[in-house]
Amino acid sequence: MSEKKKKLSWIWWVIFPPYAFYLLIRSSLKWYIKVPIVLISILTIVLAIDMTLHPHRVEESKAEQKAITYLLKEEKETVRKMERLGEGVIVGKTEKQPVVYYRFATDNKLYHIGFVSKNGDDLEIFQVEERYPNVTLIKGDADTTDSVSSLYIAKEAERLGTPDSLVKKETDGTTTVKTSKGTYTLKSGMNQLFMLKKGTETILQKEVDEPLETKDVHKFLKEREEKIGRLKQFDKYEVSPGRESYFFTTSKGEYLLELNDDGSKKLKQKN
């Protein structure tokens, strides 16, 4: 095979692997050379696809193990389900700490745990909150933003500006944060942000404390929107052994969605 053809053959591995396999099989290479190349190529493709579909797999595994150990030891609670909530920024009086938040459900409680990177590889628990049935800081600095506010600040950084410092925190959980675009007052409920103000201007105001919508719930309701109507609000959230329950209202009525640990889902309409 000429040098030009060899170069063209290797280009196919990048732009269209199936054709590259075809060229390899039809080549004059010995079988004991072809087989390892094919196996390594297949493994590389599978790993690339897996990383694309599950970019946080390694992080999730580490977070799960840390949380299982911590909650069992400190809270005597066994983790049933977990979900990655995303990146947040915990804002304190003088420091800011980027974290990644995970949501952990046990038989009776719901926790938000913030992790930080340790030595660039491992994860370390930085903040632990019980979010259901009570809102309680279990581990971390009380003079910082809670998980709900920290997630919101990170998500809306373009609109709110880069967080600078915590100005004050009230006993009811209301926090005032200074950013590069001004000073904001945030008040979080058990699950979501209730209020956001800039000075006297109200930017966000909610009457119902809606639970943080999981990917499963969002997808399930979106697929059935034509039948059950457009989601207006979540009314209540409950955790019980083996089950999470979402009570919500749509344009067509009131519903209950039960997510069971065995993966099954049950949707009921209120009579």
Protein backbone atom coordinates (compact mmCIF):
# COMPACT_ATOMS: atom_id res chain seq x y z
CA MET A 1 0.00 0.00 0.00
CA SER A 2 1.36 3.44 -0.94
CA GLU A 3 2.13 6.08 1.70
CA LYS A 4 -0.78 8.20 0.43
CA LYS A 5 -3.25 5.30 0.74
CA LYS A 6 -2.02 4.54 4.25
CA LYS A 7 -2.71 8.13 5.30
CA LEU A 8 -6.17 8.03 3.72
CA SER A 9 -6.92 4.73 5.49
CA TRP A 10 -6.13 6.18 8.91
CA ILE A 11 -8.32 9.22 8.23
CA TRP A 12 -11.32 6.87 7.96
CA TRP A 13 -10.79 5.81 11.60
CA VAL A 14 -11.59 9.38 12.57
CA ILE A 15 -14.41 10.31 10.18
CA PHE A 16 -16.13 6.94 9.62
CA PRO A 17 -14.90 3.97 11.73
CA PRO A 18 -17.16 1.32 10.09
CA TYR A 19 -15.46 1.89 6.73
CA ALA A 20 -12.07 1.80 8.45
CA PHE A 21 -12.96 -1.64 9.85
CA TYR A 22 -13.90 -2.75 6.34
CA LEU A 23 -10.54 -1.57 4.98
CA LEU A 24 -8.71 -3.29 7.83
CA ILE A 25 -10.46 -6.63 7.25
CA ARG A 26 -9.72 -6.49 3.52
CA SER A 27 -6.09 -5.49 4.10
CA SER A 28 -3.15 -7.87 3.76
CA LEU A 29 -2.27 -7.65 7.46
CA LYS A 30 -2.03 -10.93 9.38
CA TRP A 31 -5.06 -11.92 11.52
CA TYR A 32 -3.05 -11.72 14.76
CA ILE A 33 -2.44 -8.04 13.99
CA LYS A 34 -5.99 -7.31 12.80
CA VAL A 35 -7.76 -8.78 15.84
CA PRO A 36 -6.02 -6.64 18.52
CA ILE A 37 -6.52 -3.50 16.40
CA VAL A 38 -10.24 -4.25 16.01
CA LEU A 39 -10.72 -5.01 19.73
CA ILE A 40 -8.85 -1.88 20.86
CA SER A 41 -10.79 0.24 18.37
CA ILE A 42 -14.15 -1.13 19.52
CA LEU A 43 -13.22 -0.55 23.16
CA THR A 44 -12.15 3.03 22.40
CA ILE A 45 -15.42 3.77 20.58
CA VAL A 46 -17.52 2.26 23.39
CA LEU A 47 -15.66 4.31 26.02
CA ALA A 48 -16.04 7.49 23.96
CA ILE A 49 -19.81 6.94 23.62
CA ASP A 50 -20.14 6.17 27.32
CA MET A 51 -18.23 9.34 28.28
CA THR A 52 -20.51 11.37 26.02
CA LEU A 53 -23.69 9.90 27.49
CA HIS A 54 -22.43 9.81 31.10
CA PRO A 55 -19.79 12.56 31.50
CA HIS A 56 -20.00 12.49 35.31
CA ARG A 57 -19.92 8.73 35.85
CA VAL A 58 -16.63 8.67 37.81
CA GLU A 59 -17.63 11.70 39.89
CA GLU A 60 -21.06 10.22 40.63
CA SER A 61 -19.53 6.95 41.80
CA LYS A 62 -17.17 8.74 44.21
CA ALA A 63 -19.94 11.03 45.50
CA GLU A 64 -22.25 8.08 46.08
CA GLN A 65 -19.68 6.15 48.12
CA LYS A 66 -18.79 9.20 50.23
CA ALA A 67 -22.46 9.97 50.91
CA ILE A 68 -23.41 6.37 51.73
CA THR A 69 -20.61 6.14 54.29
CA TYR A 70 -21.29 9.56 55.82
CA LEU A 71 -25.08 9.30 56.08
CA LEU A 72 -24.96 5.79 57.51
CA LYS A 73 -22.38 6.76 60.13
CA GLU A 74 -23.62 10.24 61.08
CA GLU A 75 -27.36 10.08 60.39
CA LYS A 76 -28.08 6.34 60.55
CA GLU A 77 -29.75 6.71 57.15
CA THR A 78 -29.39 4.40 54.14
CA VAL A 79 -29.21 6.00 50.69
CA ARG A 80 -31.89 4.80 48.26
CA LYS A 81 -31.53 7.20 45.35
CA MET A 82 -29.19 9.94 44.21
CA GLU A 83 -29.09 12.60 41.52
CA ARG A 84 -26.58 15.21 40.45
CA LEU A 85 -28.08 18.69 40.93
CA GLY A 86 -25.19 20.60 39.38
CA GLU A 87 -22.52 23.13 40.25
CA GLY A 88 -23.08 25.70 42.97
CA VAL A 89 -21.16 28.49 44.66
CA ILE A 90 -21.29 28.67 48.46
CA VAL A 91 -20.85 32.33 49.39
CA GLY A 92 -19.48 33.28 52.82
CA LYS A 93 -18.44 36.49 54.54
CA THR A 94 -14.98 36.49 53.02
CA GLU A 95 -14.71 33.39 50.84
CA LYS A 96 -16.46 31.65 47.95
CA GLN A 97 -16.37 27.89 47.47
CA PRO A 98 -17.36 26.21 44.19
CA VAL A 99 -19.04 22.87 44.90
CA VAL A 100 -20.98 20.19 43.06
CA TYR A 101 -24.29 19.28 44.65
CA TYR A 102 -25.97 15.90 44.81
CA ARG A 103 -29.42 15.04 46.08
CA PHE A 104 -29.74 11.87 48.20
CA ALA A 105 -33.03 10.27 49.21
CA THR A 106 -33.27 7.84 52.13
CA ASP A 107 -36.36 6.06 53.48
CA ASN A 108 -37.50 9.12 55.41
CA LYS A 109 -35.34 12.07 54.47
CA LEU A 110 -33.89 14.10 51.65
CA TYR A 111 -30.37 15.53 51.72
CA HIS A 112 -28.34 17.95 49.63
CA ILE A 113 -24.60 17.33 49.86
CA GLY A 114 -21.98 19.68 48.42
CA PHE A 115 -18.66 18.14 47.36
CA VAL A 116 -15.34 19.81 46.60
CA SER A 117 -12.43 18.39 44.65
CA LYS A 118 -9.60 17.10 46.82
CA ASN A 119 -6.10 16.99 45.31
CA GLY A 120 -7.68 17.36 41.88
CA ASP A 121 -8.92 13.77 41.91
CA ASP A 122 -10.88 12.67 44.98
CA LEU A 123 -14.04 14.28 46.38
CA GLU A 124 -14.54 15.65 49.87
CA ILE A 125 -17.84 16.46 51.59
CA PHE A 126 -18.00 20.21 52.22
CA GLN A 127 -21.64 20.86 53.12
CA VAL A 128 -24.51 18.61 54.22
CA GLU A 129 -28.12 19.74 54.58
CA GLU A 130 -31.29 17.90 55.44
CA ARG A 131 -33.95 19.37 53.14
CA TYR A 132 -36.91 17.13 54.04
CA PRO A 133 -38.83 16.80 56.34
CA ASN A 134 -36.88 19.67 57.97
CA VAL A 135 -34.34 22.17 56.68
CA THR A 136 -31.24 21.70 58.83
CA LEU A 137 -27.55 22.39 58.27
CA ILE A 138 -25.70 19.25 59.39
CA LYS A 139 -22.16 20.00 58.20
CA GLY A 140 -20.70 23.30 57.07
CA ASP A 141 -20.53 26.98 57.97
CA ALA A 142 -23.87 28.46 59.11
CA ASP A 143 -22.77 31.89 57.86
CA THR A 144 -22.92 30.89 54.19
CA THR A 145 -25.56 30.47 51.50
CA ASP A 146 -27.58 27.25 51.61
CA SER A 147 -27.68 24.71 48.79
CA VAL A 148 -30.77 26.13 47.07
CA SER A 149 -29.35 29.67 46.98
CA SER A 150 -25.87 28.43 46.03
CA LEU A 151 -27.24 26.47 43.06
CA TYR A 152 -29.34 29.44 41.92
CA ILE A 153 -26.43 31.89 42.17
CA ALA A 154 -24.23 29.63 40.02
CA LYS A 155 -26.98 28.94 37.48
CA GLU A 156 -27.88 32.63 37.08
CA ALA A 157 -24.31 33.99 37.24
CA GLU A 158 -24.65 35.76 33.89
CA ARG A 159 -27.74 37.66 35.10
CA LEU A 160 -26.80 38.19 38.76
CA GLY A 161 -23.07 38.67 38.31
CA THR A 162 -20.09 36.99 39.93
CA PRO A 163 -20.73 36.46 43.67
CA ASP A 164 -18.44 38.43 45.95
CA SER A 165 -19.48 38.02 49.59
CA LEU A 166 -22.32 37.32 51.99
CA VAL A 167 -23.55 40.61 53.47
CA LYS A 168 -25.87 39.09 56.08
CA LYS A 169 -27.97 36.05 56.88
CA GLU A 170 -31.24 36.17 58.82
CA THR A 171 -32.57 33.50 61.18
CA ASP A 172 -35.34 32.64 58.69
CA GLY A 173 -32.74 31.74 56.07
CA THR A 174 -32.93 34.97 54.08
CA THR A 175 -29.48 35.87 52.76
CA THR A 176 -28.11 39.06 51.23
CA VAL A 177 -25.29 38.55 48.75
CA LYS A 178 -23.09 41.10 47.03
CA THR A 179 -22.13 40.38 43.41
CA SER A 180 -20.38 42.19 40.58
CA LYS A 181 -23.79 43.49 39.44
CA GLY A 182 -25.24 44.62 42.76
CA THR A 183 -26.63 43.38 46.07
CA TYR A 184 -29.32 40.69 46.06
CA THR A 185 -31.60 39.27 48.75
CA LEU A 186 -32.52 35.61 48.42
CA LYS A 187 -34.92 33.50 50.44
CA SER A 188 -35.10 29.77 49.86
CA GLY A 189 -37.80 27.35 50.89
CA MET A 190 -37.37 23.67 51.56
CA ASN A 191 -36.80 22.89 47.91
CA GLN A 192 -36.60 25.99 45.72
CA LEU A 193 -35.98 29.70 45.81
CA PHE A 194 -39.01 31.62 47.12
CA MET A 195 -37.82 35.16 46.62
CA LEU A 196 -35.13 37.17 44.85
CA LYS A 197 -34.82 40.95 45.20
CA LYS A 198 -32.37 43.59 44.05
CA GLY A 199 -32.87 46.49 46.42
CA THR A 200 -36.64 47.06 46.47
CA GLU A 201 -37.17 45.44 43.06
CA THR A 202 -38.73 41.97 43.24
CA ILE A 203 -37.24 39.74 40.55
CA LEU A 204 -38.72 36.42 41.67
CA GLN A 205 -41.61 35.66 44.01
CA LYS A 206 -43.25 32.25 44.55
CA GLU A 207 -46.15 31.29 46.75
CA VAL A 208 -45.60 27.53 46.66
CA ASP A 209 -42.37 25.79 47.67
CA GLU A 210 -41.85 23.55 44.67
CA PRO A 211 -39.51 20.54 44.91
CA LEU A 212 -36.42 20.48 42.76
CA GLU A 213 -37.59 18.68 39.67
CA THR A 214 -35.60 15.54 38.91
CA LYS A 215 -34.73 14.51 35.37
CA ASP A 216 -37.07 11.50 35.66
CA VAL A 217 -40.01 13.67 36.73
CA HIS A 218 -39.39 16.33 34.09
CA LYS A 219 -39.19 13.76 31.27
CA PHE A 220 -42.22 11.81 32.52
CA LEU A 221 -44.47 14.88 32.74
CA LYS A 222 -43.24 16.35 29.46
CA GLU A 223 -44.06 13.14 27.58
CA ARG A 224 -47.63 13.21 28.98
CA GLU A 225 -48.28 16.93 28.65
CA GLU A 226 -50.93 16.47 25.96
CA LYS A 227 -52.91 14.12 28.23
CA ILE A 228 -52.45 15.66 31.69
CA GLY A 229 -51.93 19.29 30.70
CA ARG A 230 -49.14 21.82 31.15
CA LEU A 231 -47.46 21.86 34.55
CA LYS A 232 -48.41 24.91 36.62
CA GLN A 233 -46.77 24.16 39.95
CA PHE A 234 -45.69 21.48 42.40
CA ASP A 235 -47.83 21.56 45.53
CA LYS A 236 -46.09 19.11 47.83
CA TYR A 237 -43.28 16.59 48.05
CA GLU A 238 -43.03 13.56 50.32
CA VAL A 239 -40.49 10.81 50.99
CA SER A 240 -41.57 7.45 52.37
CA PRO A 241 -39.89 4.01 52.48
CA GLY A 242 -39.35 2.89 48.90
CA ARG A 243 -41.12 5.88 47.35
CA GLU A 244 -40.99 9.57 46.44
CA SER A 245 -44.29 11.39 45.90
CA TYR A 246 -44.85 14.55 43.87
CA PHE A 247 -48.17 16.38 44.20
CA PHE A 248 -48.70 18.90 41.40
CA THR A 249 -51.23 20.98 39.49
CA THR A 250 -51.53 21.24 35.70
CA SER A 251 -53.87 23.07 33.35
CA LYS A 252 -56.15 20.00 33.51
CA GLY A 253 -56.26 19.29 37.25
CA GLU A 254 -54.38 18.02 40.30
CA TYR A 255 -52.17 14.93 40.16
CA LEU A 256 -49.94 12.67 42.22
CA LEU A 257 -46.84 11.04 40.75
CA GLU A 258 -45.22 8.24 42.74
CA LEU A 259 -41.66 7.15 41.93
CA ASN A 260 -40.88 3.74 43.39
CA ASP A 261 -37.45 2.31 44.13
CA ASP A 262 -38.08 -0.59 41.73
CA GLY A 263 -38.21 1.95 38.89
CA SER A 264 -41.98 1.90 38.44
CA LYS A 265 -44.02 5.11 38.28
CA LYS A 266 -47.67 5.61 39.20
CA LEU A 267 -49.69 8.65 38.09
CA LYS A 268 -53.02 9.43 39.75
CA GLN A 269 -55.48 12.27 39.16
CA LYS A 270 -57.26 13.79 42.14
CA ASN A 271 -61.02 13.27 41.96
